[in-house]
Amino acid sequence: MRRVAAILAVAAAVSTAACERGGEPVSRPAGVEVPDFDGNAAYALLERQVAFGPRVPGTPGHEEQLAWMEAYLRERADTVILQPFDHQARRGGVVRMTNVFARFRPELADRILLVAHWDTRPMADQDPDPSRRDEPILGANDGASGVAVLLQIADVLSRHSPPIGVDILLTDGEDFGPDEMYLGATYFAANPVPGPGYRPLYGILVDMVGDRDPVFPIEPLSYDYAPEVVERVWRLAAELGYGHIFVRRRQIAISDDHVPLNRAGIRTIDIIDFNYGPGNSFWHTHKDALENTSPVGLEAVGTVLTELIYRGG
């Protein structure tokens, strides 16, 4: 049986070679080469998404982003599968939503799953201006940031074949309403695109990573579900010089797309900065806009994930 703990133990025991990142030595397994992750290129992908406007299911911006993401991934991935599903909205009507699933090196049995949601919230329910709470948000951070990181990783994977299989899942309907969340992840968990019994070694969810001052504490549910994966990621981040961003303290437990995936047996952690703006005052408001984001968190998360992939998971 494949076990993540065994893989991590082997990786830790491998002889290492020194390389340089940002002027500091980085210890890597002998013979391992890791391509650079470009945080500015990722940020350009964030900007591109925001230019579509709100990406609420059933709106033109949503349709335009879906077409753009599909084209982008089909140029880069070995396999791209669209997973449409219908949701009966509490506000009335049936809404078509679509998960996007891209595979790199599908022939390999050992794989990791990277996840982000691509939809944006149809209401700004936390906005300080009551007259604007029914308006959709742009979702520059809560929506575009995680997708930007994973699309840029897809570009890296297309140019540098990874030593392990990588699947990218972009979920829809994560943020559709107060009682209508995690819809795409829940649907995928019940209907995995690769088929019944889909079990990557582990999954990593990336959400709200575009803050101008990013800090990623350990999310408690992630530690409960997959503590060795949390340890691997946060230890690697510290080794790469991002210990001030991937901090060794716990934040509040957060329900997110990783919860339905874990319940389905796909052991998944969440990298999330749930303190967006002073006192989290930008979350689900119209302050979730381009001017309140930066490449800093994208660079940190993308670099750590790229390093993790090319070290073999």
Protein backbone atom coordinates (compact mmCIF):
# COMPACT_ATOMS: atom_id res chain seq x y z
CA MET A 1 0.00 0.00 0.00
CA ARG A 2 1.29 3.45 -0.87
CA ARG A 3 1.66 5.57 2.20
CA VAL A 4 2.56 9.25 2.33
CA ALA A 5 4.53 8.79 5.56
CA ALA A 6 6.81 6.27 3.89
CA ILE A 7 7.46 8.58 0.98
CA LEU A 8 8.26 11.46 3.29
CA ALA A 9 10.64 9.31 5.33
CA VAL A 10 12.48 8.20 2.20
CA ALA A 11 12.72 11.77 0.96
CA ALA A 12 14.17 12.91 4.26
CA ALA A 13 16.82 10.18 4.14
CA VAL A 14 18.05 10.94 0.63
CA SER A 15 21.47 12.56 0.37
CA THR A 16 21.24 16.25 -0.40
CA ALA A 17 22.96 18.74 -2.62
CA ALA A 18 23.17 22.48 -2.13
CA CYS A 19 21.63 25.01 -4.48
CA GLU A 20 20.82 28.69 -4.23
CA ARG A 21 17.48 30.46 -3.90
CA GLY A 22 17.45 34.15 -3.09
CA GLY A 23 21.08 34.03 -2.02
CA GLU A 24 20.45 31.37 0.62
CA PRO A 25 21.57 27.73 0.31
CA VAL A 26 18.76 25.22 -0.16
CA SER A 27 19.28 21.54 0.53
CA ARG A 28 17.80 19.23 -2.11
CA PRO A 29 17.96 15.50 -2.82
CA ALA A 30 21.01 14.69 -4.94
CA GLY A 31 20.37 15.10 -8.64
CA VAL A 32 17.08 16.95 -8.22
CA GLU A 33 16.55 20.04 -10.36
CA VAL A 34 13.63 22.33 -9.57
CA PRO A 35 12.44 24.94 -12.08
CA ASP A 36 11.69 28.44 -10.88
CA PHE A 37 8.16 29.59 -10.12
CA ASP A 38 7.50 33.12 -11.39
CA GLY A 39 5.30 35.01 -8.93
CA ASN A 40 4.89 37.95 -11.28
CA ALA A 41 3.65 35.67 -14.07
CA ALA A 42 1.19 34.17 -11.60
CA TYR A 43 0.03 37.65 -10.66
CA ALA A 44 -0.62 38.43 -14.33
CA LEU A 45 -2.94 35.39 -14.34
CA LEU A 46 -4.71 36.83 -11.29
CA GLU A 47 -5.16 40.13 -13.11
CA ARG A 48 -6.51 38.32 -16.15
CA GLN A 49 -9.23 36.68 -14.09
CA VAL A 50 -10.27 39.91 -12.41
CA ALA A 51 -10.61 41.48 -15.87
CA PHE A 52 -13.52 39.10 -16.54
CA GLY A 53 -15.41 40.79 -13.71
CA PRO A 54 -17.27 38.68 -11.13
CA ARG A 55 -17.16 34.98 -12.04
CA VAL A 56 -20.49 34.00 -10.50
CA PRO A 57 -22.02 30.82 -11.96
CA GLY A 58 -24.57 31.69 -14.61
CA THR A 59 -22.98 35.02 -15.60
CA PRO A 60 -20.97 36.06 -18.69
CA GLY A 61 -17.78 36.50 -16.62
CA HIS A 62 -18.09 32.92 -15.42
CA GLU A 63 -18.51 31.59 -18.97
CA GLU A 64 -15.60 33.65 -20.26
CA GLN A 65 -13.23 32.49 -17.53
CA LEU A 66 -14.19 28.85 -18.07
CA ALA A 67 -13.40 29.11 -21.78
CA TRP A 68 -10.10 30.86 -21.02
CA MET A 69 -9.01 28.31 -18.40
CA GLU A 70 -9.90 25.40 -20.65
CA ALA A 71 -7.88 26.82 -23.54
CA TYR A 72 -4.95 27.64 -21.25
CA LEU A 73 -4.83 24.15 -19.78
CA ARG A 74 -5.38 22.31 -23.07
CA GLU A 75 -2.20 23.97 -24.35
CA ARG A 76 -0.26 22.66 -21.37
CA ALA A 77 -1.73 19.56 -19.70
CA ASP A 78 -1.72 15.98 -20.96
CA THR A 79 -5.44 15.63 -20.23
CA VAL A 80 -8.17 18.19 -19.52
CA ILE A 81 -11.65 17.13 -18.45
CA LEU A 82 -14.60 19.44 -17.83
CA GLN A 83 -17.00 18.15 -15.19
CA PRO A 84 -20.32 20.01 -15.49
CA PHE A 85 -23.04 19.61 -12.87
CA ASP A 86 -26.35 21.30 -12.13
CA HIS A 87 -27.20 22.95 -8.82
CA GLN A 88 -30.69 23.76 -7.63
CA ALA A 89 -30.16 27.23 -6.19
CA ARG A 90 -31.90 28.20 -2.98
CA ARG A 91 -32.75 31.50 -4.63
CA GLY A 92 -34.54 29.61 -7.38
CA GLY A 93 -33.59 28.03 -10.68
CA VAL A 94 -31.02 25.49 -11.76
CA VAL A 95 -27.47 26.78 -12.24
CA ARG A 96 -24.88 24.99 -14.37
CA MET A 97 -21.45 24.78 -12.75
CA THR A 98 -18.26 23.18 -14.01
CA ASN A 99 -15.19 21.71 -12.35
CA VAL A 100 -12.00 21.67 -14.43
CA PHE A 101 -9.62 18.73 -14.02
CA ALA A 102 -6.17 18.69 -15.65
CA ARG A 103 -3.62 15.87 -15.50
CA PHE A 104 0.14 15.84 -15.96
CA ARG A 105 1.85 12.48 -16.50
CA PRO A 106 -1.40 10.50 -16.19
CA GLU A 107 0.48 7.25 -16.72
CA LEU A 108 2.03 7.46 -13.24
CA ALA A 109 0.25 5.79 -10.33
CA ASP A 110 1.79 7.98 -7.62
CA ARG A 111 0.12 11.40 -7.86
CA ILE A 112 -0.69 14.52 -5.89
CA LEU A 113 -3.80 16.67 -6.24
CA LEU A 114 -3.70 20.48 -6.25
CA VAL A 115 -7.02 22.29 -5.72
CA ALA A 116 -8.37 25.84 -5.93
CA HIS A 117 -11.85 27.26 -6.49
CA TRP A 118 -12.44 29.52 -9.48
CA ASP A 119 -15.90 30.98 -8.85
CA THR A 120 -16.57 34.25 -7.01
CA ARG A 121 -19.20 35.20 -4.48
CA PRO A 122 -22.53 36.51 -5.83
CA MET A 123 -23.01 38.85 -2.88
CA ALA A 124 -20.79 41.05 -0.68
CA ASP A 125 -22.55 39.99 2.51
CA GLN A 126 -19.77 41.31 4.77
CA ASP A 127 -19.47 44.72 3.10
CA PRO A 128 -19.76 47.71 5.47
CA ASP A 129 -22.09 49.42 2.98
CA PRO A 130 -25.51 47.70 3.29
CA SER A 131 -26.62 49.12 -0.06
CA ARG A 132 -23.91 47.12 -1.87
CA ARG A 133 -24.25 43.78 -0.11
CA ASP A 134 -26.35 42.29 -2.91
CA GLU A 135 -23.68 43.04 -5.52
CA PRO A 136 -21.19 40.33 -6.60
CA ILE A 137 -17.54 40.72 -5.61
CA LEU A 138 -14.51 40.66 -7.90
CA GLY A 139 -12.77 37.96 -5.86
CA ALA A 140 -9.21 39.04 -6.61
CA ASN A 141 -8.01 37.12 -3.56
CA ASP A 142 -10.92 34.81 -2.75
CA GLY A 143 -11.05 33.01 -6.08
CA ALA A 144 -8.41 34.37 -8.45
CA SER A 145 -5.31 33.94 -6.27
CA GLY A 146 -5.40 30.17 -5.84
CA VAL A 147 -6.25 29.63 -9.51
CA ALA A 148 -3.37 31.91 -10.53
CA VAL A 149 -0.89 29.81 -8.57
CA LEU A 150 -2.12 26.52 -10.02
CA LEU A 151 -2.27 27.79 -13.61
CA GLN A 152 1.30 29.04 -13.33
CA ILE A 153 2.32 25.66 -11.93
CA ALA A 154 0.60 24.09 -14.94
CA ASP A 155 2.83 26.21 -17.17
CA VAL A 156 5.92 25.01 -15.29
CA LEU A 157 4.78 21.38 -15.56
CA SER A 158 4.27 21.74 -19.31
CA ARG A 159 7.88 22.81 -19.76
CA HIS A 160 9.55 20.56 -17.18
CA SER A 161 8.24 17.00 -16.88
CA PRO A 162 7.61 16.24 -13.19
CA PRO A 163 8.87 13.04 -11.50
CA ILE A 164 5.41 12.38 -10.06
CA GLY A 165 1.90 12.60 -11.46
CA VAL A 166 0.12 15.89 -10.78
CA ASP A 167 -3.62 16.56 -11.00
CA ILE A 168 -5.08 20.06 -10.85
CA LEU A 169 -8.71 20.46 -9.81
CA LEU A 170 -10.37 23.86 -10.21
CA THR A 171 -13.67 23.67 -8.38
CA ASP A 172 -16.81 25.65 -9.09
CA GLY A 173 -19.51 26.72 -6.66
CA GLU A 174 -17.27 26.99 -3.62
CA ASP A 175 -18.68 30.38 -2.66
CA PHE A 176 -22.23 30.45 -4.06
CA GLY A 177 -23.98 31.52 -0.87
CA PRO A 178 -24.04 31.22 2.92
CA ASP A 179 -25.64 27.75 2.79
CA GLU A 180 -24.39 26.82 -0.68
CA MET A 181 -20.66 26.29 -0.46
CA TYR A 182 -18.08 23.68 -1.51
CA LEU A 183 -20.46 22.51 -4.24
CA GLY A 184 -17.84 21.57 -6.82
CA ALA A 185 -15.56 19.83 -4.33
CA THR A 186 -18.52 17.91 -2.92
CA TYR A 187 -19.59 16.85 -6.42
CA PHE A 188 -16.05 15.78 -7.35
CA ALA A 189 -15.67 13.86 -4.08
CA ALA A 190 -18.79 11.84 -4.93
CA ASN A 191 -17.94 11.58 -8.65
CA PRO A 192 -14.16 11.65 -9.09
CA VAL A 193 -13.25 12.23 -12.72
CA PRO A 194 -10.57 9.51 -12.84
CA GLY A 195 -13.18 7.02 -11.60
CA PRO A 196 -14.20 5.32 -8.34
CA GLY A 197 -11.39 4.73 -5.91
CA TYR A 198 -9.36 7.76 -7.02
CA ARG A 199 -6.72 8.12 -4.31
CA PRO A 200 -3.84 10.50 -4.88
CA LEU A 201 -1.10 10.35 -2.27
CA TYR A 202 -2.53 13.57 -0.86
CA GLY A 203 -4.12 16.84 -1.87
CA ILE A 204 -3.27 20.50 -1.25
CA LEU A 205 -5.94 23.19 -1.43
CA VAL A 206 -4.78 26.76 -2.15
CA ASP A 207 -7.19 29.53 -1.15
CA MET A 208 -6.89 33.26 -0.40
CA VAL A 209 -3.13 33.45 -0.94
CA GLY A 210 -2.99 36.88 -2.62
CA ASP A 211 -2.99 39.20 0.40
CA ARG A 212 -0.49 42.07 0.30
CA ASP A 213 0.88 40.86 3.65
CA PRO A 214 0.39 37.07 3.49
CA VAL A 215 0.69 34.81 6.50
CA PHE A 216 -0.27 31.14 6.39
CA PRO A 217 -0.80 29.63 9.83
CA ILE A 218 -1.57 25.93 10.11
CA GLU A 219 -5.27 25.24 9.55
CA PRO A 220 -6.38 22.83 12.33
CA LEU A 221 -8.62 20.56 10.24
CA SER A 222 -5.75 20.07 7.83
CA TYR A 223 -3.57 18.92 10.71
CA ASP A 224 -6.28 16.56 11.93
CA TYR A 225 -6.73 15.03 8.47
CA ALA A 226 -3.13 14.86 7.23
CA PRO A 227 -0.56 15.99 9.82
CA GLU A 228 2.44 14.56 7.97
CA VAL A 229 1.54 16.53 4.84
CA VAL A 230 1.24 19.74 6.86
CA GLU A 231 4.62 19.03 8.44
CA ARG A 232 6.20 18.35 5.07
CA VAL A 233 4.87 21.58 3.51
CA TRP A 234 5.62 23.89 6.44
CA ARG A 235 9.08 22.37 6.95
CA LEU A 236 9.89 22.80 3.27
CA ALA A 237 8.63 26.39 3.34
CA ALA A 238 10.96 27.19 6.23
CA GLU A 239 13.85 25.54 4.40
CA LEU A 240 13.15 27.74 1.38
CA GLY A 241 13.16 30.92 3.46
CA TYR A 242 9.39 31.35 3.83
CA GLY A 243 9.12 30.53 7.52
CA HIS A 244 7.89 34.06 8.19
CA ILE A 245 4.93 33.41 5.86
CA PHE A 246 4.23 29.74 6.61
CA VAL A 247 4.16 30.29 10.36
CA ARG A 248 4.14 27.62 13.05
CA ARG A 249 0.95 28.59 14.78
CA ARG A 250 -2.62 27.45 14.34
CA GLN A 251 -5.46 29.61 13.08
CA ILE A 252 -9.16 28.96 13.55
CA ALA A 253 -10.51 25.79 11.95
CA ILE A 254 -11.85 26.63 8.49
CA SER A 255 -14.43 24.71 6.49
CA ASP A 256 -13.30 24.77 2.88
CA ASP A 257 -13.07 22.54 -0.19
CA HIS A 258 -10.68 20.22 1.65
CA VAL A 259 -13.45 19.01 3.99
CA PRO A 260 -15.59 17.09 1.42
CA LEU A 261 -12.42 15.75 -0.19
CA ASN A 262 -11.18 14.40 3.13
CA ARG A 263 -14.55 12.87 3.89
CA ALA A 264 -14.25 10.99 0.59
CA GLY A 265 -10.83 9.65 1.56
CA ILE A 266 -8.69 12.15 -0.37
CA ARG A 267 -6.41 13.39 2.38
CA THR A 268 -6.11 17.12 1.72
CA ILE A 269 -4.67 20.14 3.54
CA ASP A 270 -5.56 23.81 3.14
CA ILE A 271 -3.05 26.61 2.60
CA ILE A 272 -5.09 29.72 3.41
CA ASP A 273 -4.59 33.19 4.85
CA PHE A 274 -7.91 33.82 6.57
CA ASN A 275 -6.96 37.31 7.72
CA TYR A 276 -7.53 39.41 4.64
CA GLY A 277 -7.26 43.11 5.45
CA PRO A 278 -7.32 44.52 9.00
CA GLY A 279 -9.29 42.09 11.11
CA ASN A 280 -10.26 40.13 7.98
CA SER A 281 -12.30 43.17 6.93
CA PHE A 282 -11.81 42.61 3.17
CA TRP A 283 -13.29 39.10 3.12
CA HIS A 284 -16.60 38.88 1.22
CA THR A 285 -16.58 42.64 0.62
CA HIS A 286 -15.87 44.91 -2.33
CA LYS A 287 -12.39 45.42 -0.89
CA ASP A 288 -11.52 42.02 -2.36
CA ALA A 289 -10.14 43.82 -5.37
CA LEU A 290 -6.89 44.01 -7.32
CA GLU A 291 -5.43 46.87 -5.29
CA ASN A 292 -5.52 44.72 -2.15
CA THR A 293 -3.50 41.86 -3.64
CA SER A 294 0.15 41.30 -4.54
CA PRO A 295 2.47 38.62 -5.98
CA VAL A 296 4.12 37.96 -2.59
CA GLY A 297 1.92 35.10 -1.42
CA LEU A 298 1.62 33.68 -4.92
CA GLU A 299 5.40 33.49 -5.15
CA ALA A 300 5.75 31.84 -1.75
CA VAL A 301 3.04 29.22 -2.26
CA GLY A 302 3.98 28.51 -5.87
CA THR A 303 7.65 28.10 -5.01
CA VAL A 304 6.91 25.69 -2.17
CA LEU A 305 4.54 23.59 -4.28
CA THR A 306 6.94 23.51 -7.22
CA GLU A 307 9.75 22.41 -4.95
CA LEU A 308 7.51 19.74 -3.45
CA ILE A 309 6.52 18.37 -6.88
CA TYR A 310 10.04 18.15 -8.29
CA ARG A 311 11.37 16.51 -5.16
CA GLY A 312 8.92 13.74 -5.96
CA GLY A 313 6.00 14.75 -3.77
